[in-house]
Protein backbone atom coordinates (compact mmCIF):
# COMPACT_ATOMS: atom_id res chain seq x y z
CA MET A 1 -0.08 0.46 -0.26
CA THR A 2 1.10 3.40 -0.90
CA THR A 3 2.36 5.62 2.14
CA PRO A 4 0.95 9.24 2.17
CA SER A 5 2.75 11.86 1.48
CA ASN A 6 3.87 14.43 4.12
CA TRP A 7 1.51 16.98 2.03
CA GLN A 8 -1.26 14.86 1.42
CA ARG A 9 -1.38 13.76 5.48
CA LYS A 10 -1.09 17.55 5.89
CA LEU A 11 -4.44 17.86 3.60
CA LEU A 12 -6.00 14.64 4.96
CA LEU A 13 -5.80 16.56 9.15
CA MET A 14 -7.10 19.51 7.34
CA PHE A 15 -10.43 17.61 6.44
CA ARG A 16 -10.62 15.77 9.48
CA SER A 17 -10.04 19.02 10.97
CA GLU A 18 -13.38 21.07 9.58
CA LYS A 19 -15.16 18.22 9.88
CA ARG A 20 -14.80 18.66 13.85
CA LEU A 21 -14.18 22.55 13.56
CA ASN A 22 -16.04 24.56 16.51
CA ALA A 23 -17.29 21.05 17.75
CA SER A 24 -16.66 22.29 21.49
CA LYS A 25 -18.67 25.83 20.72
CA VAL A 26 -22.18 23.28 19.64
CA VAL A 27 -21.79 21.36 22.39
CA LYS A 28 -21.06 24.22 25.05
CA ASN A 29 -24.69 25.71 23.25
CA TYR A 30 -26.12 22.81 25.45
CA ARG A 31 -24.16 22.76 27.95
CA GLY A 32 -26.46 23.61 31.82
CA LYS A 33 -29.70 23.00 29.58
CA SER A 34 -31.99 20.29 31.02
CA PHE A 35 -33.68 17.71 28.85
CA ASN A 36 -37.14 19.58 29.33
CA GLU A 37 -36.16 22.90 28.70
CA MET A 38 -34.78 21.39 25.66
CA LYS A 39 -38.45 19.74 24.64
CA ALA A 40 -40.25 23.34 25.47
CA MET A 41 -37.61 25.00 23.00
CA ILE A 42 -39.12 24.62 19.10
CA ILE A 43 -36.84 25.51 16.49
CA THR A 44 -38.29 27.68 14.25
CA GLU A 45 -36.42 29.73 11.52
CA SER A 46 -35.05 32.82 14.11
CA LEU A 47 -32.81 29.59 15.21
CA CYS A 48 -31.75 29.40 11.92
CA ASP A 49 -29.05 31.57 10.01
CA ILE A 50 -31.59 31.46 6.74
CA GLU A 51 -28.30 33.01 4.93
CA ALA A 52 -25.47 30.14 4.98
CA LEU A 53 -28.28 27.60 4.01
CA THR A 54 -26.60 25.30 0.88
CA ASP A 55 -28.55 22.90 -0.99
CA LYS A 56 -25.95 20.35 -0.19
CA ARG A 57 -26.92 17.36 1.28
CA LYS A 58 -24.11 17.20 3.56
CA SER A 59 -21.24 20.07 4.40
CA THR A 60 -18.10 19.15 5.38
CA ASP A 61 -17.89 22.34 7.78
CA LEU A 62 -19.68 21.46 10.87
CA GLU A 63 -21.36 24.17 11.53
CA THR A 64 -22.99 24.62 8.63
CA HIS A 65 -24.03 20.87 8.26
CA LEU A 66 -26.40 21.86 11.36
CA ASN A 67 -27.39 24.71 10.20
CA ASN A 68 -29.29 23.09 7.11
CA LEU A 69 -30.12 20.13 9.36
CA LYS A 70 -31.82 22.86 11.73
CA TYR A 71 -34.48 24.63 9.50
CA GLN A 72 -35.34 20.86 8.57
CA SER A 73 -36.09 20.19 12.09
CA LEU A 74 -38.22 23.19 12.01
CA GLY A 75 -41.35 22.43 14.15
CA GLU A 76 -39.59 19.85 15.97
CA SER A 77 -38.22 20.40 19.75
CA GLU A 78 -34.60 21.61 20.62
CA LEU A 79 -34.21 18.06 22.50
CA CYS A 80 -34.83 16.06 18.92
CA PHE A 81 -32.62 18.42 17.60
CA TYR A 82 -29.87 17.60 20.58
CA HIS A 83 -30.17 14.14 19.61
CA ASN A 84 -29.36 14.28 15.83
CA THR A 85 -26.41 16.71 16.55
CA LEU A 86 -24.98 13.80 19.42
CA ILE A 87 -24.92 11.22 16.52
CA ILE A 88 -23.29 14.13 13.72
CA LEU A 89 -20.52 14.84 16.29
CA MET A 90 -20.00 10.98 16.69
CA ARG A 91 -20.11 10.62 13.06
CA ARG A 92 -17.03 13.14 12.92
CA LYS A 93 -15.21 11.58 15.59
CA TYR A 94 -15.68 14.01 17.88
CA LYS A 95 -14.62 13.28 21.54
CA ILE A 96 -16.86 9.44 20.80
CA ASP A 97 -16.91 8.03 24.16
CA LYS A 98 -17.91 10.88 25.88
CA THR A 99 -20.55 12.07 23.55
CA PHE A 100 -22.06 8.97 23.24
CA THR A 101 -22.01 8.44 27.30
CA GLU A 102 -24.60 11.60 26.65
CA PHE A 103 -26.08 10.05 24.27
CA GLU A 104 -26.72 6.93 25.74
CA ARG A 105 -27.91 9.25 29.18
CA LEU A 106 -30.40 11.00 26.99
CA TRP A 107 -32.04 7.62 25.39
CA GLU A 108 -32.21 5.82 29.00
CA ALA A 109 -34.24 9.12 30.53
CA GLU A 110 -36.09 10.17 27.39
CA SER A 111 -36.83 6.77 25.52
CA ASN A 112 -40.72 7.66 25.23
CA TYR A 113 -40.07 10.66 24.03
CA LEU A 114 -38.00 10.04 21.52
CA LEU A 115 -39.56 7.26 19.55
CA GLN A 116 -42.54 9.48 19.62
CA HIS A 117 -41.33 12.59 18.42
CA LEU A 118 -38.29 11.45 15.77
CA SER A 119 -38.58 10.45 12.28
CA LEU A 120 -37.56 7.09 11.53
CA ARG A 121 -34.70 8.21 9.81
CA TRP A 122 -33.14 9.05 12.96
CA ILE A 123 -34.76 6.08 15.09
CA VAL A 124 -32.90 4.08 12.57
CA SER A 125 -29.88 6.35 12.79
CA ALA A 126 -29.77 6.23 16.99
CA CYS A 127 -29.92 2.04 16.19
CA ASP A 128 -26.97 3.04 14.02
CA THR A 129 -25.24 4.47 16.05
CA PHE A 130 -25.97 2.03 19.78
CA VAL A 131 -24.32 -1.71 17.32
CA ASP A 132 -21.51 1.26 16.46
CA HIS A 133 -20.79 2.10 19.73
CA SER A 134 -22.09 0.18 22.29
CA ASP A 135 -20.46 -2.41 24.77
CA ASN A 136 -23.74 -4.04 25.56
CA ALA A 137 -23.26 -7.03 22.35
CA HIS A 138 -26.90 -7.66 23.39
CA ARG A 139 -28.34 -4.46 22.99
CA ALA A 140 -26.29 -4.00 19.57
CA ALA A 141 -27.35 -7.51 18.59
CA ILE A 142 -31.30 -6.32 19.29
CA LEU A 143 -31.09 -3.13 17.28
CA MET A 144 -28.86 -4.53 14.29
CA ASN A 145 -32.75 -6.09 13.82
CA VAL A 146 -33.59 -2.60 13.22
CA VAL A 147 -31.48 -1.34 10.50
CA THR A 148 -31.56 -5.12 8.24
CA LEU A 149 -35.38 -4.69 8.93
CA MET A 150 -35.40 -1.09 6.97
CA ASN A 151 -32.73 -1.25 4.94
CA THR A 152 -34.48 -4.45 3.38
CA LEU A 153 -37.76 -2.38 3.49
CA ARG A 154 -35.89 0.33 1.56
CA THR A 155 -34.42 -2.25 -0.89
CA TYR A 156 -37.49 -3.00 -2.14
CA GLU A 157 -39.15 0.14 -1.69
CA THR A 158 -36.05 1.58 -4.61
CA LYS A 159 -36.78 -1.88 -6.68
CA ASN A 160 -40.31 -0.64 -6.48
CA PHE A 161 -39.69 3.26 -8.00
CA LEU A 162 -36.88 1.64 -10.78
CA GLN A 163 -39.55 0.25 -12.04
CA THR A 164 -42.07 2.54 -12.25
CA PRO A 165 -41.91 4.77 -15.13
CA PRO A 166 -42.01 8.28 -14.27
CA GLY A 167 -45.26 10.28 -13.56
CA ALA A 168 -47.45 6.73 -13.18
CA GLU A 169 -50.08 6.50 -10.94
CA PRO A 170 -50.36 4.22 -7.83
CA ILE A 171 -50.54 0.41 -9.15
CA PRO A 172 -53.89 -1.01 -8.06
CA LEU A 173 -54.06 -3.83 -6.38
CA LEU A 174 -54.89 -6.46 -8.48
CA ASP A 175 -58.14 -8.74 -7.69
CA GLU A 176 -57.12 -11.79 -9.13
CA LYS A 177 -53.95 -12.18 -7.58
CA THR A 178 -54.92 -11.44 -4.29
CA ASP A 179 -57.41 -14.18 -4.85
CA ILE A 180 -54.74 -16.53 -5.51
CA LEU A 181 -52.57 -15.46 -2.36
CA TYR A 182 -55.61 -15.64 0.04
CA ALA A 183 -56.76 -19.40 -1.11
CA GLY A 184 -53.03 -20.80 -0.37
CA ASP A 185 -49.33 -20.65 -0.53
CA LEU A 186 -47.96 -19.50 -3.85
CA SER A 187 -44.05 -20.08 -4.70
CA LEU A 188 -41.86 -17.35 -4.48
CA TYR A 189 -38.06 -18.68 -5.23
CA ASP A 190 -35.48 -21.11 -3.27
CA GLY A 191 -38.45 -22.76 -1.49
CA LEU A 192 -40.00 -19.17 -0.23
CA THR A 193 -43.51 -18.28 -0.21
CA TYR A 194 -45.38 -15.47 -1.05
CA PHE A 195 -47.22 -14.07 1.71
CA ARG A 196 -51.39 -16.36 2.21
CA ILE A 197 -52.73 -12.25 3.07
CA GLY A 198 -55.52 -12.41 5.27
CA THR A 199 -54.17 -15.14 7.62
CA ASP A 200 -50.20 -15.17 7.54
CA ASP A 201 -48.83 -15.27 10.81
CA SER A 202 -45.28 -15.03 9.84
CA LEU A 203 -45.36 -10.96 10.72
CA ARG A 204 -46.63 -12.31 14.46
CA ASN A 205 -44.55 -14.71 15.29
CA MET A 206 -41.76 -12.05 14.04
CA ARG A 207 -43.01 -9.79 16.17
CA LYS A 208 -43.46 -12.44 19.48
CA ARG A 209 -39.53 -13.36 18.85
CA TYR A 210 -39.12 -9.56 18.87
CA SER A 211 -40.81 -8.88 22.72
CA LYS A 212 -38.75 -11.77 24.23
CA PHE A 213 -36.20 -9.91 24.00
CA GLN A 214 -37.74 -7.97 27.17
CA LYS A 215 -36.23 -9.72 29.27
CA ILE A 216 -32.27 -9.06 27.77
CA ASP A 217 -32.50 -4.78 26.93
CA LYS A 218 -35.68 -3.16 27.05
CA LEU A 219 -34.35 0.07 25.61
CA ALA A 220 -33.33 -2.21 23.02
CA THR A 221 -36.70 -3.97 22.43
CA SER A 222 -38.89 -0.96 22.63
CA MET A 223 -36.90 0.68 19.96
CA LEU A 224 -37.33 -2.17 17.59
CA LEU A 225 -40.84 -2.52 18.43
CA ALA A 226 -41.86 0.95 18.25
CA VAL A 227 -40.24 0.81 14.81
CA PHE A 228 -41.81 -2.44 13.72
CA GLU A 229 -44.90 -0.59 14.97
CA LYS A 230 -44.38 2.59 12.47
CA LEU A 231 -43.98 0.73 9.45
CA GLN A 232 -47.43 -1.09 10.36
CA ASN A 233 -49.02 2.75 9.98
CA ASN A 234 -47.49 4.51 6.69
CA GLY A 235 -47.28 3.54 3.36
CA SER A 236 -44.90 -0.03 3.67
CA ALA A 237 -45.66 -3.32 2.34
CA PHE A 238 -46.55 -3.79 6.00
CA ALA A 239 -49.85 -1.71 5.89
CA THR A 240 -50.70 -3.18 2.92
CA LEU A 241 -50.80 -6.65 4.36
CA ARG A 242 -52.63 -5.44 7.16
CA GLN A 243 -55.44 -4.20 5.18
CA LEU A 244 -56.15 -7.45 3.44
CA HIS A 245 -55.38 -9.33 6.46
CA LYS A 246 -59.05 -11.21 8.06
CA ASP A 247 -57.72 -13.07 11.05
CA ASP A 248 -57.55 -11.48 14.12
CA TRP A 249 -55.84 -14.21 15.89
CA SER A 250 -52.38 -14.02 13.72
CA LYS A 251 -52.40 -9.83 13.62
CA TRP A 252 -49.23 -8.33 14.25
CA TRP A 253 -50.43 -4.92 14.60
CA LEU A 254 -51.49 -3.01 17.83
CA ASP A 255 -54.62 -1.56 18.46
C-alpha cells in the first residue's frame, strides 16, 4: 500500500479538522440545559441562519451542516435536534466516548419521548449508533434487527421506484392475484412462498420473537418494537398486508 506523502497527510488532517471545527462550541450551547428545557423549545426560523443555508446534502463544515439540519427540523423540539446533533458529532469522530455517554444517557432518560417524536430516519440512525459504539453486545444485536429491517424495506421500495415509469399513478392491487394469495401458498423462489394474505402468521410470530428480547434489554426492544409498529401505519408493504389481513388471531399490529 502506498504511504501518503507529507502534503497528503497534512491535507487529510485539515479535512478531518474542518469536519469537527467548532464542535466544542456546538456542545457548549447545550451545557446547563435540562432535557425538559430542550423539549419545551421549538425550532423556528429565527434559530437558523437563513443566509447560510446550502443545497448540499452534507457539508464538510460542521456548523453549516448543523444549520441545514436545524432548518430541516423546523417545528421539532430542541431535544430532538440535540439528539441528532450528538449523532453527527460521533460520525465526525468528536470525543466519541464522551459524546456516546451523553447519547446513551439521553436515551435512557427520554426513550418514550424520542420514539414518539423522532422520525424513522433518526431512530434508525440512533440504532446504527448503538450498534457502532455500545459495549453491550446484546443491545447491539437487538438493534441490528432494526437496521436490517429498514435496509431490506428500503431496498424493496427502491426496486419498485426503479420499475415505475415517471409520473405513473400508484399501481392498484389486482383482484385476481389477491384471490390467489388468499387461497393458499404461492411459490416465490428457493423454497420460499409469498405471504398467504389474510391469514399468514409469520409477522405475528416475528413480533412475538422480538418481544422476547425485553428480558435481555428493555430499551433496545422498545426501539425495535416502536419501529416495527410505525411501519404498520404508513405506506409500506407492511401496511398493505395489514389492510388485507382478515384473521384477528394472527394480526401483528397494535390496536
